[in-house]
């Protein structure tokens, strides 16, 4: 009888999975015979546990405990039986979820099982443990090169459907996967929710953060508008972090950095995004903050260390001509009222050999 695709694939997958359990030191230090004995011993241990798990006459607690510690199965027949357990409607959702969790290494060899998993994710009536396991499996598979080559369109289509799911955990997972792949459908839905909160499918701070996974310039105006009139502090912070490269927003963000009335987390976020997106101007932007003894210590330290990192990597000829920022830090190395700022400034002066 001809073997199915999964069984054929196992001939390659199983040995590689087993070998992956060994450290490089083990593979070099041990003889071939010792390695083989170690693999066979582990394989026998997993085989015994899998036999208990696949025995439907045992209690669910006993079955799960028998394989708790084993990431997958290695015997081809047991793997096929595990697939049948995952599909068996008479099994509990917990057992089916446990079975599915053991099958991840073999999904590339079974396109039909991938289809089943996606159907379990889509169907809100799927037992919750199995549906959650199917979602986790889908996310893992989508993050693998082979997964997206094999089932890209099916995965993305399923995730687009989940953006309207009644369960917020599934909605967020769907948006995260889609935005991570730059999916414009998901991004437009999130932007629409930020423009009109009555259409929002996720909390605003999560919508902004997920847009940032693969941010298109088209969404900058929306994020800028939200930053100026944020629904909450967390959303404002997320917008600041993303808008440092948007020229229209930079003056406002600079005001946040230098604004004494702004909370420390806002000033730190502003410093971080301006440092990343306007490095050539950052010393001018952060210099007055570093010099201000009333500014938050962490913001001042960030400014000194960011410039030290940048200038320390420059050519000697560029570092030998002190500028205004160097002068400020040199003075702080002697006179700052903050011990941490004084020490950080001293390190800056010594590293850059300022005279």
Protein backbone atom coordinates (compact mmCIF):
# COMPACT_ATOMS: atom_id res chain seq x y z
CA UNK A 1 0.00 0.00 0.00
CA UNK A 2 1.33 3.41 -0.98
CA UNK A 3 2.30 5.64 1.94
CA UNK A 4 0.51 8.96 2.24
CA UNK A 5 2.37 12.27 2.00
CA UNK A 6 2.73 12.67 5.74
CA UNK A 7 4.32 9.24 6.18
CA UNK A 8 6.73 9.96 3.33
CA UNK A 9 7.65 13.29 4.88
CA UNK A 10 8.34 11.71 8.26
CA UNK A 11 11.33 9.81 6.89
CA UNK A 12 13.09 13.16 6.62
CA UNK A 13 11.47 15.13 9.44
CA UNK A 14 11.75 12.66 12.34
CA UNK A 15 15.55 12.26 12.35
CA UNK A 16 16.08 16.01 12.10
CA UNK A 17 13.67 16.66 14.97
CA UNK A 18 15.44 14.14 17.15
CA UNK A 19 18.89 15.49 16.36
CA UNK A 20 17.73 19.00 17.16
CA UNK A 21 17.37 17.91 20.79
CA UNK A 22 21.13 17.51 21.09
CA UNK A 23 23.49 20.37 21.82
CA UNK A 24 26.51 21.02 19.55
CA UNK A 25 28.77 19.92 22.41
CA UNK A 26 26.95 16.60 22.64
CA UNK A 27 27.19 15.93 18.91
CA UNK A 28 30.94 16.56 18.94
CA UNK A 29 31.81 14.93 22.26
CA UNK A 30 29.96 11.67 21.88
CA UNK A 31 30.67 8.78 19.58
CA UNK A 32 28.25 7.82 16.90
CA UNK A 33 27.14 4.81 18.90
CA UNK A 34 26.50 6.91 22.02
CA UNK A 35 24.46 9.40 20.05
CA UNK A 36 22.42 6.62 18.53
CA UNK A 37 21.80 5.07 21.95
CA UNK A 38 20.73 8.42 23.40
CA UNK A 39 18.34 9.06 20.55
CA UNK A 40 16.85 5.60 20.74
CA UNK A 41 16.36 5.87 24.52
CA UNK A 42 14.55 9.16 24.17
CA UNK A 43 12.51 7.85 21.28
CA UNK A 44 11.44 4.84 23.39
CA UNK A 45 10.42 7.14 26.24
CA UNK A 46 8.28 9.24 23.90
CA UNK A 47 6.82 6.10 22.33
CA UNK A 48 5.63 4.86 25.74
CA UNK A 49 4.09 8.21 26.59
CA UNK A 50 2.39 8.45 23.20
CA UNK A 51 0.92 4.96 23.63
CA UNK A 52 -0.77 6.09 26.84
CA UNK A 53 -2.01 9.31 25.24
CA UNK A 54 -3.50 7.45 22.27
CA UNK A 55 -5.32 4.97 24.51
CA UNK A 56 -8.89 6.28 24.66
CA UNK A 57 -9.69 3.98 27.59
CA UNK A 58 -7.48 6.08 29.88
CA UNK A 59 -8.64 9.20 31.69
CA UNK A 60 -7.98 12.57 30.08
CA UNK A 61 -5.75 13.58 32.98
CA UNK A 62 -3.64 10.43 32.61
CA UNK A 63 -3.36 10.80 28.84
CA UNK A 64 -2.24 14.40 28.98
CA UNK A 65 0.24 13.76 31.79
CA UNK A 66 1.88 10.97 29.78
CA UNK A 67 3.02 13.38 27.05
CA UNK A 68 3.38 16.58 29.04
CA UNK A 69 7.12 17.29 28.48
CA UNK A 70 7.33 15.87 24.97
CA UNK A 71 7.11 18.42 22.17
CA UNK A 72 6.10 15.90 19.51
CA UNK A 73 5.91 12.21 18.57
CA UNK A 74 8.40 10.38 16.36
CA UNK A 75 6.87 7.04 15.47
CA UNK A 76 5.11 7.38 12.07
CA UNK A 77 2.14 5.22 13.06
CA UNK A 78 1.66 7.13 16.32
CA UNK A 79 1.80 10.41 14.42
CA UNK A 80 -0.94 9.23 12.09
CA UNK A 81 -2.98 8.11 15.11
CA UNK A 82 -2.39 11.52 16.67
CA UNK A 83 -3.83 13.17 13.57
CA UNK A 84 -6.92 10.98 13.91
CA UNK A 85 -7.28 12.02 17.57
CA UNK A 86 -7.08 15.69 16.61
CA UNK A 87 -9.90 15.15 14.09
CA UNK A 88 -12.03 12.89 16.29
CA UNK A 89 -15.26 14.65 17.27
CA UNK A 90 -15.81 12.12 20.06
CA UNK A 91 -12.65 13.23 21.85
CA UNK A 92 -12.74 16.20 24.25
CA UNK A 93 -11.54 19.60 23.12
CA UNK A 94 -8.62 19.33 25.53
CA UNK A 95 -7.41 16.00 24.15
CA UNK A 96 -7.78 17.20 20.56
CA UNK A 97 -5.84 20.36 21.41
CA UNK A 98 -3.08 18.29 23.03
CA UNK A 99 -2.88 16.08 19.95
CA UNK A 100 -2.66 19.07 17.65
CA UNK A 101 0.16 20.49 19.71
CA UNK A 102 2.29 17.44 18.92
CA UNK A 103 1.85 17.74 15.17
CA UNK A 104 3.46 21.09 14.34
CA UNK A 105 6.73 19.68 12.91
CA UNK A 106 4.78 17.64 10.37
CA UNK A 107 2.32 20.19 8.98
CA UNK A 108 4.34 20.77 5.82
CA UNK A 109 3.73 17.10 4.95
CA UNK A 110 -0.05 17.23 5.39
CA UNK A 111 -1.88 20.02 3.56
CA UNK A 112 -5.24 18.47 4.47
CA UNK A 113 -4.47 18.85 8.16
CA UNK A 114 -3.51 22.49 7.60
CA UNK A 115 -6.92 22.98 6.02
CA UNK A 116 -8.62 21.38 9.02
CA UNK A 117 -6.68 23.60 11.41
CA UNK A 118 -7.76 26.73 9.56
CA UNK A 119 -11.37 25.57 9.60
CA UNK A 120 -11.19 25.04 13.37
CA UNK A 121 -9.83 28.56 13.76
CA UNK A 122 -12.63 30.04 11.65
CA UNK A 123 -15.46 28.14 13.35
CA UNK A 124 -16.56 29.82 16.59
CA UNK A 125 -18.31 26.57 17.56
CA UNK A 126 -15.03 24.66 17.68
CA UNK A 127 -14.33 23.55 21.29
CA UNK A 128 -12.43 26.42 22.84
CA UNK A 129 -9.24 24.49 23.78
CA UNK A 130 -8.96 23.14 20.25
CA UNK A 131 -9.73 26.49 18.65
CA UNK A 132 -7.08 28.20 20.76
CA UNK A 133 -4.55 25.47 19.92
CA UNK A 134 -5.43 25.81 16.23
CA UNK A 135 -4.89 29.57 16.42
CA UNK A 136 -1.51 29.13 18.09
CA UNK A 137 -0.52 26.52 15.50
CA UNK A 138 -1.59 28.80 12.66
CA UNK A 139 0.46 31.68 14.03
CA UNK A 140 3.52 29.47 14.36
CA UNK A 141 3.06 28.02 10.89
CA UNK A 142 2.59 31.48 9.39
CA UNK A 143 5.89 32.58 10.91
CA UNK A 144 7.75 29.80 9.12
CA UNK A 145 8.99 30.20 5.58
CA UNK A 146 7.53 26.89 4.46
CA UNK A 147 4.19 27.70 6.07
CA UNK A 148 3.70 30.88 4.10
CA UNK A 149 4.93 29.28 0.89
CA UNK A 150 2.53 26.38 1.33
CA UNK A 151 -0.60 28.09 2.60
CA UNK A 152 -0.15 31.86 2.45
CA UNK A 153 -3.47 32.76 0.87
CA UNK A 154 -5.48 30.34 3.02
CA UNK A 155 -3.86 31.68 6.19
CA UNK A 156 -4.33 35.34 5.29
CA UNK A 157 -7.92 34.73 4.19
CA UNK A 158 -8.68 33.00 7.49
CA UNK A 159 -7.09 35.82 9.50
CA UNK A 160 -9.08 38.44 7.58
CA UNK A 161 -12.27 36.66 8.61
CA UNK A 162 -11.11 36.64 12.22
CA UNK A 163 -10.78 40.44 12.30
CA UNK A 164 -14.54 40.48 12.92
CA UNK A 165 -14.55 37.57 15.39
CA UNK A 166 -16.58 37.97 18.57
CA UNK A 167 -13.60 36.91 20.69
CA UNK A 168 -11.20 39.87 21.20
CA UNK A 169 -8.24 37.52 21.65
CA UNK A 170 -8.82 36.06 18.18
CA UNK A 171 -9.36 39.51 16.66
CA UNK A 172 -6.10 40.80 18.08
CA UNK A 173 -4.18 37.69 16.99
CA UNK A 174 -5.57 38.04 13.47
CA UNK A 175 -4.62 41.71 13.20
CA UNK A 176 -1.15 41.01 14.59
CA UNK A 177 -0.48 38.30 12.02
CA UNK A 178 -1.90 40.33 9.14
CA UNK A 179 -0.14 43.57 10.05
CA UNK A 180 3.09 41.68 10.52
CA UNK A 181 2.79 40.69 6.87
CA UNK A 182 1.88 44.23 5.77
CA UNK A 183 -1.72 43.33 4.93
CA UNK A 184 -3.43 46.50 3.71
CA UNK A 185 -6.93 45.17 4.45
CA UNK A 186 -6.16 44.83 8.15
CA UNK A 187 -4.27 48.12 8.30
CA UNK A 188 -7.18 50.03 6.78
CA UNK A 189 -9.58 48.51 9.28
CA UNK A 190 -7.38 49.62 12.18
CA UNK A 191 -6.96 53.12 10.74
CA UNK A 192 -10.72 53.41 10.25
CA UNK A 193 -11.24 52.51 13.89
CA UNK A 194 -8.82 55.22 14.95
CA UNK A 195 -10.61 57.78 12.79
CA UNK A 196 -14.03 56.70 14.04
CA UNK A 197 -14.01 54.94 17.44
CA UNK A 198 -17.48 53.50 16.78
CA UNK A 199 -15.85 51.31 14.11
CA UNK A 200 -12.89 50.23 16.25
CA UNK A 201 -12.21 46.51 16.43
CA UNK A 202 -9.37 46.80 18.97
CA UNK A 203 -8.44 49.23 21.75
CA UNK A 204 -6.74 52.30 20.22
CA UNK A 205 -3.30 51.71 21.75
CA UNK A 206 -3.23 48.18 20.29
CA UNK A 207 -4.41 49.44 16.91
CA UNK A 208 -1.58 51.97 16.79
CA UNK A 209 1.04 49.46 17.91
CA UNK A 210 -0.07 46.91 15.29
CA UNK A 211 -0.05 49.52 12.52
CA UNK A 212 3.55 50.13 13.49
CA UNK A 213 4.54 46.55 12.62
CA UNK A 214 4.64 47.52 8.95
CA UNK A 215 3.70 51.18 8.84
CA UNK A 216 2.69 52.79 5.55
CA UNK A 217 3.16 56.52 5.10
CA UNK A 218 -0.53 56.83 4.21
CA UNK A 219 -1.40 56.34 7.88
CA UNK A 220 0.86 59.07 9.27
CA UNK A 221 -1.84 61.81 9.13
CA UNK A 222 -4.28 59.59 11.02
CA UNK A 223 -1.73 58.78 13.71
CA UNK A 224 -0.75 62.44 14.00
CA UNK A 225 -4.37 63.41 14.52
CA UNK A 226 -4.70 60.74 17.22
CA UNK A 227 -1.48 61.88 18.90
CA UNK A 228 -2.80 65.43 19.17
CA UNK A 229 -6.14 64.28 20.64
CA UNK A 230 -5.41 60.86 22.15
CA UNK A 231 -8.12 58.75 23.81
CA UNK A 232 -5.66 57.72 26.53
CA UNK A 233 -2.02 58.06 27.57
CA UNK A 234 -0.98 54.67 26.19
CA UNK A 235 -2.24 55.54 22.70
CA UNK A 236 -0.39 58.85 22.79
CA UNK A 237 2.86 57.08 23.64
CA UNK A 238 2.44 54.60 20.80
CA UNK A 239 1.81 57.43 18.34
CA UNK A 240 4.88 59.35 19.50
CA UNK A 241 7.06 56.29 19.01
CA UNK A 242 5.85 55.86 15.44
CA UNK A 243 5.80 59.46 14.24
CA UNK A 244 9.42 60.51 14.67
CA UNK A 245 9.95 60.12 10.92
CA UNK A 246 6.90 62.21 9.99
CA UNK A 247 8.11 65.76 9.35
CA UNK A 248 4.79 67.37 10.21
CA UNK A 249 4.88 65.73 13.66
CA UNK A 250 8.52 66.40 14.54
CA UNK A 251 8.02 69.94 15.92
CA UNK A 252 5.25 68.70 18.20
CA UNK A 253 7.33 65.75 19.36
CA UNK A 254 10.26 68.10 20.01
CA UNK A 255 7.90 70.11 22.19
CA UNK A 256 7.11 66.94 24.13
CA UNK A 257 10.82 66.24 24.62
CA UNK A 258 11.60 69.73 25.87
CA UNK A 259 8.33 70.38 27.66
CA UNK A 260 8.84 70.50 31.41
CA UNK A 261 5.16 69.84 31.99
CA UNK A 262 5.26 66.53 30.10
CA UNK A 263 5.51 63.24 32.05
CA UNK A 264 8.79 61.36 31.95
CA UNK A 265 7.53 58.49 29.78
CA UNK A 266 6.36 60.95 27.13
CA UNK A 267 9.70 62.77 27.12
CA UNK A 268 11.58 59.47 26.89
CA UNK A 269 9.41 58.28 24.00
CA UNK A 270 9.98 61.61 22.23
CA UNK A 271 13.74 61.33 22.78
CA UNK A 272 13.82 57.79 21.44
CA UNK A 273 11.88 58.50 18.27
CA UNK A 274 13.79 61.72 17.47
CA UNK A 275 17.11 60.00 18.07
CA UNK A 276 16.11 57.24 15.65
CA UNK A 277 14.62 59.47 12.97
CA UNK A 278 16.57 62.74 13.18
CA UNK A 279 20.04 61.69 14.39
CA UNK A 280 21.82 64.63 12.79
CA UNK A 281 19.71 67.08 14.81
CA UNK A 282 19.34 65.11 18.00
CA UNK A 283 22.18 66.80 19.91
CA UNK A 284 20.52 70.18 19.31
CA UNK A 285 17.15 68.79 20.32
CA UNK A 286 18.24 67.04 23.51
CA UNK A 287 21.01 69.41 24.57
CA UNK A 288 18.78 71.83 26.49
CA UNK A 289 17.15 68.88 28.28
CA UNK A 290 20.51 67.37 29.24
CA UNK A 291 21.63 70.74 30.60
CA UNK A 292 18.44 71.26 32.64
CA UNK A 293 18.94 69.99 36.19
CA UNK A 294 15.17 69.91 36.65
CA UNK A 295 14.58 67.55 33.72
CA UNK A 296 14.00 63.84 34.49
CA UNK A 297 17.26 62.07 35.16
CA UNK A 298 16.46 59.17 32.81
CA UNK A 299 15.84 61.51 29.88
CA UNK A 300 19.12 63.33 30.49
CA UNK A 301 21.01 60.04 30.75
CA UNK A 302 19.41 58.81 27.54
CA UNK A 303 20.52 61.94 25.70
CA UNK A 304 24.13 61.64 26.88
CA UNK A 305 24.38 57.93 26.09
CA UNK A 306 22.71 58.25 22.69
CA UNK A 307 25.17 60.90 21.59
CA UNK A 308 28.11 59.01 23.08
CA UNK A 309 27.16 55.94 21.08
CA UNK A 310 26.83 57.95 17.88
CA UNK A 311 29.94 60.08 18.31
CA UNK A 312 32.03 57.22 19.62
CA UNK A 313 31.56 55.50 16.28
CA UNK A 314 32.68 58.55 14.28
CA UNK A 315 36.12 59.09 12.78
CA UNK A 316 38.74 60.71 15.03
CA UNK A 317 38.85 63.85 12.89
CA UNK A 318 35.13 64.36 13.42
CA UNK A 319 35.36 63.89 17.18
CA UNK A 320 38.21 66.30 17.84
CA UNK A 321 36.15 69.44 17.36
CA UNK A 322 33.93 69.90 20.43
CA UNK A 323 30.53 71.49 19.85
CA UNK A 324 27.89 72.97 22.15
CA UNK A 325 26.65 69.56 23.25
CA UNK A 326 30.20 68.56 24.20
CA UNK A 327 30.57 71.75 26.21
CA UNK A 328 27.32 71.08 28.11
CA UNK A 329 28.30 67.51 28.94
CA UNK A 330 31.80 68.52 29.98
CA UNK A 331 30.35 71.01 32.47
CA UNK A 332 27.94 68.38 33.80
CA UNK A 333 30.84 65.98 34.35
CA UNK A 334 32.02 68.34 37.07
CA UNK A 335 29.02 70.30 38.25
CA UNK A 336 25.81 68.27 37.83
CA UNK A 337 23.75 67.87 40.98
CA UNK A 338 22.86 64.33 39.87
CA UNK A 339 25.47 61.72 40.68
CA UNK A 340 24.31 59.49 37.81
CA UNK A 341 24.35 62.32 35.29
CA UNK A 342 27.77 63.43 36.51
CA UNK A 343 29.19 59.92 36.12
CA UNK A 344 27.59 59.45 32.72
CA UNK A 345 28.96 62.81 31.56
CA UNK A 346 32.42 61.91 32.87
CA UNK A 347 32.31 58.69 30.87
CA UNK A 348 31.32 60.68 27.79
CA UNK A 349 34.24 63.09 28.24
CA UNK A 350 36.74 60.30 28.79
CA UNK A 351 35.54 58.15 25.90
CA UNK A 352 35.61 61.04 23.44
CA UNK A 353 38.82 62.47 24.93
CA UNK A 354 37.39 65.97 25.27
CA UNK A 355 39.87 68.60 26.39
